[in-house]
């Protein structure tokens, strides 16, 4: 009655049935053989369907192989291991050979001079030889490290006159590598400011980097030439955890905070590379000063201009003055405080909209032989911040 026609194609019997909306009961069945033109249309339709299925499956496969985040991550990890870890191993091998030759030469000459420096300067790194990086000419546009002689020669006035060597130990952050890097940078700056020898953690598993079939344990030396950093800066000294344990722990210079007894490392082990770091962490927490309140968001770490007790009072008075009229972030948008402004003005900008108390590197901390900074997620003890937003210097 509506004039509509429904067409059903039976491909197996090559017949076409046409059903009219108002077909009389005595009308003959509309059954006929498929004409050649209809048969061609059917084949075209089948070809179209097959093509669509092929395109869809190919698209899904390519997306899974090329664009899926998990596969992208695995591919990036493989590229990283091939381009960097292998290249770094070659550099380290060459470095050891050169240093051995220099030590042999020094022994022959017997000049009594300072041991030879590491192979290269920080500002003169080349990525083109063994790392597959850009040429040195192109790399000039990407230099992120500049040698500043006054920085290299700087020695912190805090603790510089101490007759006994003091240390800073720390636990790497448990997050991804960017968080690990931020935490490590904060430790380097604090060790420099405190005139403490920085003790680097042993190689261990790092979140995400330990996945896959390749290398499982990493140390910071796998990514940064920290020996060179220490060598080029007069006020910064860097040693390994093994050297620290041999020098201080195994000679009876570390004591349990609760009992006062001499405490040696678990099983008298000094080399913890590639082992479970948990026993070492618990040992260090027991024999060192561990400030749990030094965490981003709870306070701003403040270093006085000198190690005299009168400077602690100066910082307290400054913070009281700032809290009397606590600043808002909006006050400093497009109006940054000059780096050489008075300390109180710089402090106002540093705490604006964030924290209202200072964590001062006071006399108790300065006298501690070893200061240890732990990372424990359950206690929310992490240095998940940039050093320039967490540390304040009166001078």
Protein backbone atom coordinates (compact mmCIF):
# COMPACT_ATOMS: atom_id res chain seq x y z
CA UNK A 1 0.00 0.00 0.00
CA UNK A 2 2.98 2.35 0.60
CA UNK A 3 4.69 1.44 -2.62
CA UNK A 4 7.89 0.20 -0.90
CA UNK A 5 9.90 -2.67 -2.28
CA UNK A 6 12.14 -4.95 -0.19
CA UNK A 7 14.89 -6.76 -2.08
CA UNK A 8 16.63 -9.80 -0.57
CA UNK A 9 19.66 -11.27 -2.29
CA UNK A 10 20.26 -14.98 -1.87
CA UNK A 11 23.87 -15.34 -2.94
CA UNK A 12 23.98 -19.12 -2.49
CA UNK A 13 21.14 -19.79 -4.95
CA UNK A 14 21.79 -16.69 -7.11
CA UNK A 15 18.11 -15.68 -6.92
CA UNK A 16 16.42 -12.41 -6.10
CA UNK A 17 13.11 -12.11 -4.28
CA UNK A 18 11.07 -8.95 -4.60
CA UNK A 19 8.28 -8.54 -2.07
CA UNK A 20 5.74 -5.81 -2.69
CA UNK A 21 3.98 -4.18 0.22
CA UNK A 22 0.48 -4.99 -1.26
CA UNK A 23 0.78 -8.24 -3.22
CA UNK A 24 -2.52 -10.01 -4.00
CA UNK A 25 -2.92 -13.51 -2.63
CA UNK A 26 -3.28 -15.08 -6.10
CA UNK A 27 -0.33 -13.23 -7.63
CA UNK A 28 2.41 -15.45 -9.06
CA UNK A 29 5.68 -15.60 -7.12
CA UNK A 30 8.20 -13.06 -8.34
CA UNK A 31 11.05 -15.48 -8.70
CA UNK A 32 13.53 -15.24 -11.54
CA UNK A 33 17.13 -15.98 -12.31
CA UNK A 34 19.74 -13.33 -11.51
CA UNK A 35 20.73 -11.38 -14.54
CA UNK A 36 24.44 -10.87 -15.32
CA UNK A 37 24.23 -7.23 -14.20
CA UNK A 38 22.75 -8.26 -10.83
CA UNK A 39 25.45 -10.92 -10.39
CA UNK A 40 28.15 -8.28 -11.00
CA UNK A 41 26.57 -6.01 -8.41
CA UNK A 42 26.67 -8.81 -5.87
CA UNK A 43 30.35 -9.41 -6.50
CA UNK A 44 31.02 -5.68 -6.19
CA UNK A 45 29.19 -5.63 -2.87
CA UNK A 46 31.23 -8.60 -1.57
CA UNK A 47 34.47 -6.93 -2.68
CA UNK A 48 33.45 -3.72 -0.92
CA UNK A 49 32.74 -5.58 2.35
CA UNK A 50 36.03 -7.47 2.21
CA UNK A 51 37.94 -4.25 1.52
CA UNK A 52 36.31 -2.53 4.51
CA UNK A 53 37.19 -5.46 6.78
CA UNK A 54 40.80 -5.43 5.54
CA UNK A 55 41.19 -1.69 6.07
CA UNK A 56 39.67 -1.91 9.57
CA UNK A 57 41.89 -4.80 10.65
CA UNK A 58 45.00 -3.16 9.19
CA UNK A 59 44.21 0.10 10.98
CA UNK A 60 43.72 -1.67 14.30
CA UNK A 61 46.97 -3.58 13.85
CA UNK A 62 48.98 -0.46 12.99
CA UNK A 63 47.46 1.46 15.88
CA UNK A 64 48.33 -1.33 18.30
CA UNK A 65 51.90 -1.62 17.01
CA UNK A 66 52.71 2.05 16.51
CA UNK A 67 50.41 4.24 18.59
CA UNK A 68 49.50 2.15 21.63
CA UNK A 69 51.14 3.80 24.70
CA UNK A 70 52.44 0.49 26.08
CA UNK A 71 54.18 -0.41 22.82
CA UNK A 72 55.49 3.13 22.43
CA UNK A 73 56.99 2.87 25.92
CA UNK A 74 58.59 -0.52 25.18
CA UNK A 75 60.01 0.79 21.92
CA UNK A 76 61.39 3.88 23.67
CA UNK A 77 62.98 1.69 26.36
CA UNK A 78 64.69 -0.48 23.75
CA UNK A 79 65.94 2.60 21.90
CA UNK A 80 67.21 4.10 25.14
CA UNK A 81 69.07 0.93 26.11
CA UNK A 82 70.62 0.64 22.65
CA UNK A 83 71.57 4.29 22.17
CA UNK A 84 72.57 5.29 25.67
CA UNK A 85 73.33 2.44 28.04
CA UNK A 86 75.54 0.65 25.55
CA UNK A 87 77.24 3.91 24.56
CA UNK A 88 77.76 4.83 28.19
CA UNK A 89 79.47 1.49 28.78
CA UNK A 90 81.88 2.24 25.93
CA UNK A 91 82.64 5.67 27.35
CA UNK A 92 83.24 4.20 30.80
CA UNK A 93 85.59 1.60 29.34
CA UNK A 94 87.57 4.28 27.52
CA UNK A 95 87.57 6.43 30.63
CA UNK A 96 89.02 3.60 32.75
CA UNK A 97 91.77 2.95 30.19
CA UNK A 98 92.75 6.62 30.08
CA UNK A 99 92.70 6.94 33.85
CA UNK A 100 94.83 3.81 34.24
CA UNK A 101 97.37 5.25 31.82
CA UNK A 102 97.39 8.58 33.67
CA UNK A 103 97.84 6.86 37.04
CA UNK A 104 100.71 4.80 35.64
CA UNK A 105 102.33 7.94 34.27
CA UNK A 106 101.84 9.69 37.61
CA UNK A 107 103.42 6.76 39.45
CA UNK A 108 106.43 6.81 37.11
CA UNK A 109 106.94 10.54 37.49
CA UNK A 110 106.21 10.42 41.24
CA UNK A 111 105.40 14.11 41.29
CA UNK A 112 103.16 13.89 44.35
CA UNK A 113 100.55 16.09 42.66
CA UNK A 114 96.76 15.79 42.89
CA UNK A 115 95.38 12.67 41.08
CA UNK A 116 94.56 13.34 37.44
CA UNK A 117 91.07 14.67 36.70
CA UNK A 118 88.42 12.60 34.90
CA UNK A 119 88.45 12.52 31.14
CA UNK A 120 86.21 15.42 30.10
CA UNK A 121 84.83 18.74 31.29
CA UNK A 122 81.11 18.99 31.97
CA UNK A 123 80.61 21.85 29.54
CA UNK A 124 82.57 20.03 26.85
CA UNK A 125 80.50 16.85 26.53
CA UNK A 126 80.18 15.47 23.01
CA UNK A 127 77.19 13.32 22.08
CA UNK A 128 78.16 12.70 18.46
CA UNK A 129 80.82 10.00 18.88
CA UNK A 130 79.43 7.06 20.81
CA UNK A 131 75.87 8.11 21.59
CA UNK A 132 74.45 8.72 18.11
CA UNK A 133 73.62 12.32 19.00
CA UNK A 134 73.83 15.55 16.99
CA UNK A 135 77.09 17.00 15.77
CA UNK A 136 79.01 19.34 18.04
CA UNK A 137 78.01 22.33 15.86
CA UNK A 138 74.31 21.55 16.26
CA UNK A 139 74.76 20.79 19.96
CA UNK A 140 75.92 24.37 20.55
CA UNK A 141 72.26 25.38 20.28
CA UNK A 142 71.35 22.95 23.10
CA UNK A 143 74.04 23.56 25.73
CA UNK A 144 72.38 23.48 29.13
CA UNK A 145 75.47 23.63 31.30
CA UNK A 146 77.87 26.56 31.44
CA UNK A 147 81.11 26.67 33.41
CA UNK A 148 81.03 29.67 35.75
CA UNK A 149 84.40 30.04 37.50
CA UNK A 150 82.94 31.75 40.57
CA UNK A 151 80.49 28.86 41.02
CA UNK A 152 83.21 26.28 40.59
CA UNK A 153 85.31 27.94 43.31
CA UNK A 154 82.45 28.55 45.76
CA UNK A 155 82.71 26.97 49.22
CA UNK A 156 79.76 27.29 51.60
CA UNK A 157 80.51 29.28 54.75
CA UNK A 158 78.41 26.80 56.74
CA UNK A 159 80.59 24.05 58.13
CA UNK A 160 83.58 25.00 56.01
CA UNK A 161 85.82 25.20 59.08
CA UNK A 162 84.78 21.83 60.48
CA UNK A 163 87.82 19.68 61.27
CA UNK A 164 85.91 16.42 60.87
CA UNK A 165 84.42 15.19 57.63
CA UNK A 166 80.61 15.08 57.65
CA UNK A 167 78.23 13.34 55.28
CA UNK A 168 74.83 13.52 53.63
CA UNK A 169 73.18 10.23 52.67
CA UNK A 170 69.83 9.79 50.94
CA UNK A 171 67.39 7.32 49.44
CA UNK A 172 66.34 7.74 45.78
CA UNK A 173 62.73 8.63 45.16
CA UNK A 174 60.49 5.64 44.46
CA UNK A 175 58.70 7.22 41.49
CA UNK A 176 59.61 7.62 37.84
CA UNK A 177 62.98 8.87 36.70
CA UNK A 178 61.96 12.53 36.52
CA UNK A 179 60.99 12.39 40.21
CA UNK A 180 64.23 10.54 41.00
CA UNK A 181 66.20 13.25 39.20
CA UNK A 182 64.46 16.13 41.02
CA UNK A 183 65.11 14.54 44.40
CA UNK A 184 68.76 13.88 43.55
CA UNK A 185 69.32 17.48 42.43
CA UNK A 186 67.94 18.74 45.75
CA UNK A 187 70.39 16.46 47.60
CA UNK A 188 73.34 17.76 45.60
CA UNK A 189 72.47 21.39 46.37
CA UNK A 190 71.92 20.66 50.07
CA UNK A 191 75.20 18.76 50.38
CA UNK A 192 76.99 21.70 48.76
CA UNK A 193 75.27 24.22 51.06
CA UNK A 194 76.00 22.13 54.18
CA UNK A 195 79.66 21.47 53.25
CA UNK A 196 78.91 17.76 53.57
CA UNK A 197 80.30 14.94 51.48
CA UNK A 198 77.52 13.56 49.30
CA UNK A 199 77.21 9.77 49.51
CA UNK A 200 75.61 8.29 46.40
CA UNK A 201 73.23 5.31 46.85
CA UNK A 202 74.25 1.93 45.44
CA UNK A 203 72.85 0.70 42.16
CA UNK A 204 69.33 -0.65 42.55
CA UNK A 205 66.07 -1.16 40.68
CA UNK A 206 64.40 2.05 39.53
CA UNK A 207 60.69 2.27 38.81
CA UNK A 208 59.89 1.56 35.13
CA UNK A 209 63.57 1.36 34.17
CA UNK A 210 63.88 -2.09 35.75
CA UNK A 211 61.19 -3.52 33.46
CA UNK A 212 62.05 -5.53 30.40
CA UNK A 213 64.77 -8.08 29.75
CA UNK A 214 67.71 -5.69 29.88
CA UNK A 215 69.56 -4.06 32.74
CA UNK A 216 67.73 -4.21 36.08
CA UNK A 217 69.85 -2.12 38.44
CA UNK A 218 70.96 1.46 37.95
CA UNK A 219 73.06 4.00 39.80
CA UNK A 220 73.20 7.73 39.19
CA UNK A 221 76.57 7.20 37.51
CA UNK A 222 74.69 5.51 34.69
CA UNK A 223 73.21 8.91 33.81
CA UNK A 224 75.46 11.62 35.28
CA UNK A 225 79.21 12.02 35.62
CA UNK A 226 79.00 12.90 39.30
CA UNK A 227 82.68 12.26 39.89
CA UNK A 228 83.34 15.07 37.44
CA UNK A 229 80.76 17.33 39.12
CA UNK A 230 82.57 16.89 42.44
CA UNK A 231 85.98 17.35 40.91
CA UNK A 232 85.13 20.65 39.22
CA UNK A 233 83.46 22.24 42.29
CA UNK A 234 85.69 23.09 45.21
CA UNK A 235 82.86 22.99 47.75
CA UNK A 236 81.33 19.65 46.70
CA UNK A 237 82.69 16.18 47.43
CA UNK A 238 81.05 12.99 46.12
CA UNK A 239 81.80 9.41 47.17
CA UNK A 240 80.13 6.02 46.79
CA UNK A 241 78.14 4.21 49.47
CA UNK A 242 80.78 1.48 49.53
CA UNK A 243 83.54 4.00 50.30
CA UNK A 244 81.41 5.59 53.02
CA UNK A 245 80.68 2.26 54.72
CA UNK A 246 84.33 1.21 54.59
CA UNK A 247 85.54 4.55 55.92
CA UNK A 248 82.97 5.21 58.65
CA UNK A 249 80.77 2.18 59.36
CA UNK A 250 83.39 -0.57 59.40
CA UNK A 251 85.75 1.52 61.54
CA UNK A 252 83.18 1.88 64.34
CA UNK A 253 82.27 5.52 63.76
CA UNK A 254 78.51 4.99 63.44
CA UNK A 255 76.29 4.44 66.49
CA UNK A 256 72.73 3.25 67.00
CA UNK A 257 70.60 6.27 67.98
CA UNK A 258 68.57 4.27 70.52
CA UNK A 259 71.21 2.20 72.31
CA UNK A 260 74.33 4.26 71.69
CA UNK A 261 76.23 1.10 70.68
CA UNK A 262 78.56 0.87 67.71
CA UNK A 263 76.54 -0.37 64.73
CA UNK A 264 77.98 -2.14 61.72
CA UNK A 265 76.19 -2.64 58.39
CA UNK A 266 73.95 -5.72 58.03
CA UNK A 267 76.22 -8.77 57.64
CA UNK A 268 79.16 -6.34 57.54
CA UNK A 269 78.38 -5.77 53.87
CA UNK A 270 79.89 -2.68 52.26
CA UNK A 271 79.05 -3.29 48.60
CA UNK A 272 75.26 -3.11 48.14
CA UNK A 273 75.21 -2.71 44.36
CA UNK A 274 72.46 -4.78 42.78
CA UNK A 275 71.05 -6.09 46.08
CA UNK A 276 67.86 -5.42 48.03
CA UNK A 277 68.43 -1.92 49.49
CA UNK A 278 65.85 -2.25 52.28
CA UNK A 279 68.26 -3.55 55.01
CA UNK A 280 70.72 -0.78 54.15
CA UNK A 281 67.99 1.87 54.34
CA UNK A 282 66.86 0.66 57.77
CA UNK A 283 70.46 0.62 58.99
CA UNK A 284 71.10 4.19 57.83
CA UNK A 285 67.90 5.40 59.47
CA UNK A 286 69.11 3.89 62.77
CA UNK A 287 72.59 5.47 62.81
CA UNK A 288 72.00 8.94 61.36
CA UNK A 289 70.08 12.12 62.02
CA UNK A 290 66.95 11.78 59.89
CA UNK A 291 64.82 14.95 59.73
CA UNK A 292 61.30 13.78 58.87
CA UNK A 293 59.81 17.28 58.86
CA UNK A 294 61.99 18.46 55.97
CA UNK A 295 59.41 17.84 53.27
CA UNK A 296 58.06 20.09 50.50
CA UNK A 297 54.69 21.56 51.38
CA UNK A 298 55.35 21.54 55.12
CA UNK A 299 58.22 24.03 55.28
CA UNK A 300 60.79 26.00 53.34
CA UNK A 301 64.35 24.87 54.07
CA UNK A 302 66.44 27.87 55.09
CA UNK A 303 70.21 28.19 55.24
CA UNK A 304 71.66 31.02 57.35
CA UNK A 305 74.41 33.23 55.98
CA UNK A 306 76.88 31.63 58.40
CA UNK A 307 76.97 28.87 60.99
CA UNK A 308 76.85 31.17 64.02
CA UNK A 309 73.77 30.79 66.31
CA UNK A 310 72.87 34.47 65.92
CA UNK A 311 71.90 33.80 62.31
CA UNK A 312 69.20 31.31 63.35
CA UNK A 313 67.47 34.11 65.26
CA UNK A 314 67.71 36.35 62.19
CA UNK A 315 65.81 33.80 60.09
CA UNK A 316 63.13 33.40 62.76
CA UNK A 317 62.58 37.15 62.93
CA UNK A 318 62.36 37.37 59.16
CA UNK A 319 59.70 34.65 59.04
CA UNK A 320 57.66 36.35 61.78
CA UNK A 321 57.72 39.58 59.78
CA UNK A 322 56.56 37.78 56.64
CA UNK A 323 53.76 35.93 58.46
CA UNK A 324 52.47 39.20 59.90
CA UNK A 325 51.38 40.10 56.35
CA UNK A 326 51.48 36.78 54.52
CA UNK A 327 51.96 37.34 50.78
CA UNK A 328 49.86 35.99 47.93
CA UNK A 329 51.21 34.64 44.67
CA UNK A 330 49.38 37.32 42.69
CA UNK A 331 51.68 39.97 44.18
CA UNK A 332 54.63 38.62 42.22
CA UNK A 333 53.09 37.81 38.84
CA UNK A 334 55.18 39.70 36.25
CA UNK A 335 56.92 41.38 39.20
CA UNK A 336 59.70 39.02 40.30
CA UNK A 337 61.92 40.01 43.20
CA UNK A 338 65.54 40.69 42.14
CA UNK A 339 68.04 38.04 43.18
CA UNK A 340 70.07 40.66 45.04
CA UNK A 341 67.06 42.06 46.95
CA UNK A 342 67.07 42.09 50.78
CA UNK A 343 66.59 38.65 52.34
CA UNK A 344 63.14 39.47 53.75
CA UNK A 345 61.78 40.44 50.32
CA UNK A 346 63.16 37.27 48.75
CA UNK A 347 61.66 35.22 51.58
CA UNK A 348 58.22 36.77 50.98
CA UNK A 349 58.34 35.65 47.36
CA UNK A 350 59.62 32.17 48.26
CA UNK A 351 56.77 31.36 50.68
CA UNK A 352 53.97 33.20 48.87
CA UNK A 353 50.80 31.13 48.95
CA UNK A 354 52.68 28.03 50.14
CA UNK A 355 54.19 27.50 53.60
CA UNK A 356 54.29 29.59 56.76
CA UNK A 357 57.26 28.03 58.54
CA UNK A 358 60.95 27.42 58.00
CA UNK A 359 63.04 24.31 58.44
CA UNK A 360 66.35 25.79 59.48
CA UNK A 361 69.71 24.06 59.15
CA UNK A 362 70.33 24.73 62.82
CA UNK A 363 73.13 23.93 65.25
CA UNK A 364 71.88 20.41 66.03
CA UNK A 365 71.88 19.40 62.38
CA UNK A 366 75.21 21.05 61.72
CA UNK A 367 76.85 19.02 64.51
CA UNK A 368 75.48 15.66 63.27
CA UNK A 369 78.18 13.50 61.65
CA UNK A 370 75.69 12.11 59.11
CA UNK A 371 72.37 13.57 57.98
CA UNK A 372 70.15 11.10 56.16
CA UNK A 373 67.13 11.95 54.00
CA UNK A 374 64.76 9.06 53.53
CA UNK A 375 62.00 8.34 51.01
CA UNK A 376 58.98 6.60 52.45
CA UNK A 377 55.69 6.97 50.59
CA UNK A 378 53.49 5.75 53.46
CA UNK A 379 54.81 8.55 55.67
CA UNK A 380 54.64 11.02 52.77
CA UNK A 381 58.33 11.69 53.14
CA UNK A 382 59.52 12.56 49.63
CA UNK A 383 61.53 15.34 48.06
CA UNK A 384 59.16 15.65 45.15
CA UNK A 385 60.04 19.21 44.22
CA UNK A 386 62.57 21.39 42.43
CA UNK A 387 65.42 22.56 44.63
CA UNK A 388 64.87 26.22 43.70
CA UNK A 389 61.35 26.16 45.15
CA UNK A 390 62.31 24.29 48.34
CA UNK A 391 65.60 25.85 49.47
CA UNK A 392 66.14 29.42 50.67
CA UNK A 393 69.50 31.08 51.31
CA UNK A 394 69.75 34.11 53.59
CA UNK A 395 72.90 35.23 51.78
